Amino acid sequence: MSKRTSATVANGAASKDDRQSSPPITDKQKVLLSTDAGHFSLIRALHLADLITELNGLCGILSLFSSMRYCLGDPTQHGNLWAALFFLPFGLFFDFLDGKVARWRKKSSMMGQELDSLADLISFGVSPAALAFAIGIRTPLDHLCLAFFVLCGLTRLARFNVTATSIPKDANGKAKYFEGTPIPTTLGLDALMGWWLSRGWIHDALPGGVWFSGTVLEVHPVVLLFMVHGCLMTSRTIHIPKP
């Protein structure tokens, strides 16, 4: 749900346009990123908003690691699953906050917009797919379906970077609508998995069970929710008005 803009904009989620009215990349950052400007030039080039975006990415990474730790441990101990779910709403918080800070400080950057997209892909694409794997959506066909979901998120972010400037704007320069569902709406899937976890509906108890068990087509039907959500993210006909 990035908020970075200049010639291109980063993601398509709710507060992305917070950075659309920001000025173009600063000369100082251009110098630091494109020339040999001494030690730690990359760190010195980051704006405060960029550092907040990094926290969004950190939340996604920690969620991913928590899912992995659960898979390596006792499947009856769910603490790491709850931790994986816990980090993701904080990713959304930082995703909103970085745009607000960018507007406040009147600073925007090409690097910032790229950070936004990459952080969102981790927090709202890869991490939910890893969590789905951790709770038991693990057949080979499940893997392909979850990969489709992640690739839809990746494609949505890339498309928004290219097309954001062509979306109609309001008087303040903000896009009037989202084209397709914003990628942070995958938090709805996270909430659903949290509900399943609270009821003990994981692994063999996943809702809908498993279809075609023992065959090459073995699949958990709940994975279709991820595929449908992926299609909604990449839709060009769905226009969601911005608040």
Protein backbone atom coordinates (compact mmCIF):
# COMPACT_ATOMS: atom_id res chain seq x y z
CA MET A 1 0.00 0.00 0.00
CA SER A 2 2.68 2.38 -0.85
CA LYS A 3 2.55 6.08 -0.99
CA ARG A 4 5.50 7.10 -3.09
CA THR A 5 5.30 9.05 -6.27
CA SER A 6 7.18 11.02 -8.79
CA ALA A 7 7.26 9.91 -12.41
CA THR A 8 6.10 6.53 -11.09
CA VAL A 9 4.29 5.59 -7.92
CA ALA A 10 4.67 2.62 -5.78
CA ASN A 11 1.86 0.44 -4.94
CA GLY A 12 -1.87 1.06 -4.99
CA ALA A 13 -2.96 0.83 -1.46
CA ALA A 14 -4.83 3.18 0.72
CA SER A 15 -2.34 5.84 1.64
CA LYS A 16 -0.23 5.75 -1.46
CA ASP A 17 -1.36 9.12 -2.58
CA ASP A 18 -0.08 10.69 0.61
CA ARG A 19 3.15 11.08 -1.32
CA GLN A 20 1.69 12.14 -4.64
CA SER A 21 1.76 15.80 -3.75
CA SER A 22 5.32 15.57 -2.48
CA PRO A 23 8.11 17.29 -4.39
CA PRO A 24 10.41 15.32 -6.67
CA ILE A 25 13.56 13.61 -5.49
CA THR A 26 15.94 15.93 -3.71
CA ASP A 27 19.32 16.86 -5.15
CA LYS A 28 21.06 15.61 -2.02
CA GLN A 29 19.65 12.13 -2.41
CA LYS A 30 20.51 12.07 -6.11
CA VAL A 31 24.09 12.85 -5.28
CA LEU A 32 24.31 10.30 -2.52
CA LEU A 33 22.78 7.51 -4.58
CA SER A 34 24.37 8.15 -7.97
CA THR A 35 27.90 9.21 -7.11
CA ASP A 36 30.76 8.01 -4.95
CA ALA A 37 29.75 10.11 -1.97
CA GLY A 38 31.78 8.38 0.71
CA HIS A 39 31.05 5.79 3.34
CA PHE A 40 27.44 4.99 4.33
CA SER A 41 26.09 7.13 1.48
CA LEU A 42 23.12 4.77 1.07
CA ILE A 43 22.16 5.11 4.73
CA ARG A 44 22.61 8.88 4.64
CA ALA A 45 20.39 9.07 1.56
CA LEU A 46 17.38 7.55 3.28
CA HIS A 47 14.59 9.89 4.34
CA LEU A 48 12.70 9.40 7.60
CA ALA A 49 9.75 8.05 5.62
CA ASP A 50 12.06 5.50 3.98
CA LEU A 51 13.15 4.23 7.38
CA ILE A 52 9.52 3.81 8.38
CA THR A 53 8.93 1.83 5.19
CA GLU A 54 11.79 -0.42 6.23
CA LEU A 55 9.83 -1.16 9.42
CA ASN A 56 6.94 -2.35 7.26
CA GLY A 57 9.33 -4.76 5.56
CA LEU A 58 10.73 -5.81 8.94
CA CYS A 59 7.26 -6.77 10.15
CA GLY A 60 6.75 -8.95 7.08
CA ILE A 61 10.13 -10.63 7.50
CA LEU A 62 9.54 -11.34 11.19
CA SER A 63 6.14 -12.81 10.33
CA LEU A 64 7.78 -15.01 7.71
CA PHE A 65 10.42 -16.23 10.17
CA SER A 66 7.73 -16.95 12.78
CA SER A 67 5.89 -19.17 10.29
CA MET A 68 9.15 -20.99 9.55
CA ARG A 69 9.89 -21.47 13.25
CA TYR A 70 6.45 -23.01 13.73
CA CYS A 71 7.10 -25.49 10.90
CA LEU A 72 10.34 -26.55 12.62
CA GLY A 73 8.80 -27.02 16.06
CA ASP A 74 5.99 -28.83 17.81
CA PRO A 75 2.82 -28.49 15.68
CA THR A 76 0.67 -28.43 18.82
CA GLN A 77 2.38 -25.26 20.07
CA HIS A 78 0.84 -22.29 18.24
CA GLY A 79 2.79 -19.39 19.72
CA ASN A 80 4.82 -18.81 16.56
CA LEU A 81 1.66 -18.86 14.43
CA TRP A 82 0.13 -16.15 16.59
CA ALA A 83 3.37 -14.18 16.33
CA ALA A 84 3.27 -14.49 12.53
CA LEU A 85 -0.26 -13.05 12.55
CA PHE A 86 0.63 -10.38 15.10
CA PHE A 87 3.34 -8.72 12.99
CA LEU A 88 1.24 -8.14 9.86
CA PRO A 89 -1.15 -5.43 11.14
CA PHE A 90 1.91 -3.50 12.29
CA GLY A 91 3.17 -3.68 8.73
CA LEU A 92 -0.04 -1.95 7.65
CA PHE A 93 0.44 0.70 10.36
CA PHE A 94 3.93 1.55 9.09
CA ASP A 95 2.65 1.48 5.50
CA PHE A 96 0.18 4.24 6.36
CA LEU A 97 2.64 6.14 8.51
CA ASP A 98 5.42 6.48 5.95
CA GLY A 99 3.14 8.41 3.58
CA LYS A 100 1.99 10.73 6.34
CA VAL A 101 5.59 11.46 7.30
CA ALA A 102 6.57 12.05 3.66
CA ARG A 103 3.81 14.65 3.31
CA TRP A 104 4.72 16.29 6.59
CA ARG A 105 8.38 16.56 5.67
CA LYS A 106 7.65 17.28 1.98
CA LYS A 107 10.17 14.68 0.86
CA SER A 108 9.74 12.00 -1.76
CA SER A 109 12.15 9.77 -3.62
CA MET A 110 12.35 7.18 -6.34
CA MET A 111 14.11 4.90 -3.90
CA GLY A 112 11.29 5.37 -1.42
CA GLN A 113 8.65 4.28 -3.88
CA GLU A 114 10.61 1.13 -4.69
CA LEU A 115 11.02 0.38 -0.99
CA ASP A 116 7.25 0.71 -0.60
CA SER A 117 6.50 -1.90 -3.24
CA LEU A 118 9.10 -4.36 -2.00
CA ALA A 119 8.02 -4.01 1.64
CA ASP A 120 4.37 -4.49 0.70
CA LEU A 121 5.16 -7.60 -1.30
CA ILE A 122 6.85 -9.14 1.74
CA SER A 123 4.24 -8.10 4.33
CA PHE A 124 1.06 -8.59 2.30
CA GLY A 125 2.09 -11.18 -0.29
CA VAL A 126 4.85 -13.56 0.76
CA SER A 127 4.12 -13.59 4.50
CA PRO A 128 0.42 -14.52 4.22
CA ALA A 129 1.33 -17.30 1.77
CA ALA A 130 3.95 -18.61 4.22
CA LEU A 131 1.40 -18.51 7.03
CA ALA A 132 -1.06 -20.47 4.89
CA PHE A 133 1.65 -23.08 4.32
CA ALA A 134 2.36 -23.22 8.06
CA ILE A 135 -1.27 -23.97 9.00
CA GLY A 136 -1.40 -26.91 6.60
CA ILE A 137 -2.03 -25.73 3.04
CA ARG A 138 0.93 -27.75 1.82
CA THR A 139 0.18 -30.04 -1.12
CA PRO A 140 2.08 -29.50 -4.39
CA LEU A 141 -1.05 -28.05 -6.00
CA ASP A 142 -1.53 -25.82 -2.95
CA HIS A 143 2.00 -24.52 -3.56
CA LEU A 144 1.14 -23.53 -7.12
CA CYS A 145 -2.05 -21.79 -5.99
CA LEU A 146 -0.22 -19.84 -3.28
CA ALA A 147 2.51 -18.93 -5.77
CA PHE A 148 -0.22 -17.60 -8.08
CA PHE A 149 -1.49 -15.43 -5.22
CA VAL A 150 1.97 -13.98 -4.52
CA LEU A 151 2.63 -13.35 -8.22
CA CYS A 152 -0.69 -11.51 -8.50
CA GLY A 153 0.45 -9.20 -5.70
CA LEU A 154 3.79 -8.71 -7.43
CA THR A 155 2.07 -7.92 -10.73
CA ARG A 156 -0.34 -5.48 -9.09
CA LEU A 157 2.51 -3.51 -7.54
CA ALA A 158 4.42 -3.38 -10.80
CA ARG A 159 1.32 -2.31 -12.73
CA PHE A 160 0.57 0.47 -10.29
CA ASN A 161 4.10 1.81 -10.65
CA VAL A 162 3.51 2.11 -14.38
CA THR A 163 -0.11 3.29 -14.52
CA ALA A 164 -0.58 5.45 -11.40
CA THR A 165 0.03 8.69 -13.26
CA SER A 166 -2.76 7.88 -15.75
CA ILE A 167 -5.45 7.33 -13.11
CA PRO A 168 -7.77 10.38 -12.79
CA LYS A 169 -6.84 12.70 -9.94
CA ASP A 170 -8.85 14.95 -7.66
CA ALA A 171 -8.11 18.62 -6.98
CA ASN A 172 -5.40 17.67 -4.49
CA GLY A 173 -3.59 15.44 -6.94
CA LYS A 174 -4.72 12.17 -5.36
CA ALA A 175 -5.95 9.28 -7.48
CA LYS A 176 -9.74 9.01 -7.35
CA TYR A 177 -9.88 5.25 -7.07
CA PHE A 178 -7.94 2.02 -6.62
CA GLU A 179 -7.64 -0.12 -9.73
CA GLY A 180 -8.20 -3.58 -8.30
CA THR A 181 -8.13 -4.29 -4.59
CA PRO A 182 -5.09 -2.86 -2.75
CA ILE A 183 -2.59 -5.52 -1.69
CA PRO A 184 -2.95 -4.76 2.07
CA THR A 185 -6.50 -6.15 1.84
CA THR A 186 -4.80 -9.54 2.20
CA LEU A 187 -5.04 -8.78 5.91
CA GLY A 188 -8.59 -10.09 5.53
CA LEU A 189 -7.12 -13.50 4.71
CA ASP A 190 -4.82 -13.17 7.72
CA ALA A 191 -7.82 -12.47 9.94
CA LEU A 192 -9.60 -15.51 8.53
CA MET A 193 -6.58 -17.72 9.24
CA GLY A 194 -6.45 -16.28 12.76
CA TRP A 195 -10.06 -17.32 13.26
CA TRP A 196 -9.33 -20.83 12.02
CA LEU A 197 -6.37 -21.01 14.40
CA SER A 198 -8.50 -19.88 17.35
CA ARG A 199 -10.98 -22.68 16.58
CA GLY A 200 -8.29 -25.29 16.03
CA TRP A 201 -9.15 -25.57 12.32
CA ILE A 202 -5.66 -26.13 10.99
CA HIS A 203 -3.77 -29.02 9.38
CA ASP A 204 -6.18 -31.98 9.08
CA ALA A 205 -9.04 -29.86 10.44
CA LEU A 206 -8.84 -27.13 7.79
CA PRO A 207 -12.30 -26.04 6.59
CA GLY A 208 -13.32 -27.99 3.52
CA GLY A 209 -10.83 -30.74 4.19
CA VAL A 210 -8.78 -31.95 1.24
CA TRP A 211 -9.91 -32.92 -2.24
CA PHE A 212 -8.53 -35.74 -4.40
CA SER A 213 -6.44 -37.06 -1.53
CA GLY A 214 -3.55 -39.28 -2.60
CA THR A 215 -3.56 -38.06 -6.21
CA VAL A 216 -1.50 -35.53 -8.08
CA LEU A 217 -4.50 -33.18 -7.84
CA GLU A 218 -4.64 -33.27 -4.03
CA VAL A 219 -5.60 -29.77 -2.90
CA HIS A 220 -7.19 -27.92 0.01
CA PRO A 221 -10.21 -26.05 -1.37
CA VAL A 222 -9.62 -23.09 0.96
CA VAL A 223 -6.61 -22.19 -1.17
CA LEU A 224 -9.11 -20.97 -3.77
CA LEU A 225 -9.71 -17.96 -1.50
CA PHE A 226 -6.13 -16.90 -2.12
CA MET A 227 -6.49 -17.35 -5.86
CA VAL A 228 -9.70 -15.32 -5.96
CA HIS A 229 -8.06 -12.56 -3.94
CA GLY A 230 -5.14 -12.56 -6.34
CA CYS A 231 -7.51 -12.10 -9.26
CA LEU A 232 -9.26 -9.22 -7.50
CA MET A 233 -5.91 -7.47 -6.93
CA THR A 234 -5.02 -7.61 -10.61
CA SER A 235 -8.47 -6.70 -11.94
CA ARG A 236 -8.65 -3.62 -14.16
CA THR A 237 -12.44 -3.38 -14.07
CA ILE A 238 -12.76 -3.06 -10.29
CA HIS A 239 -12.51 0.59 -9.28
CA ILE A 240 -12.70 1.22 -5.55
CA PRO A 241 -13.26 4.90 -4.66
CA LYS A 242 -10.65 6.34 -2.34
CA PRO A 243 -11.88 7.75 0.99
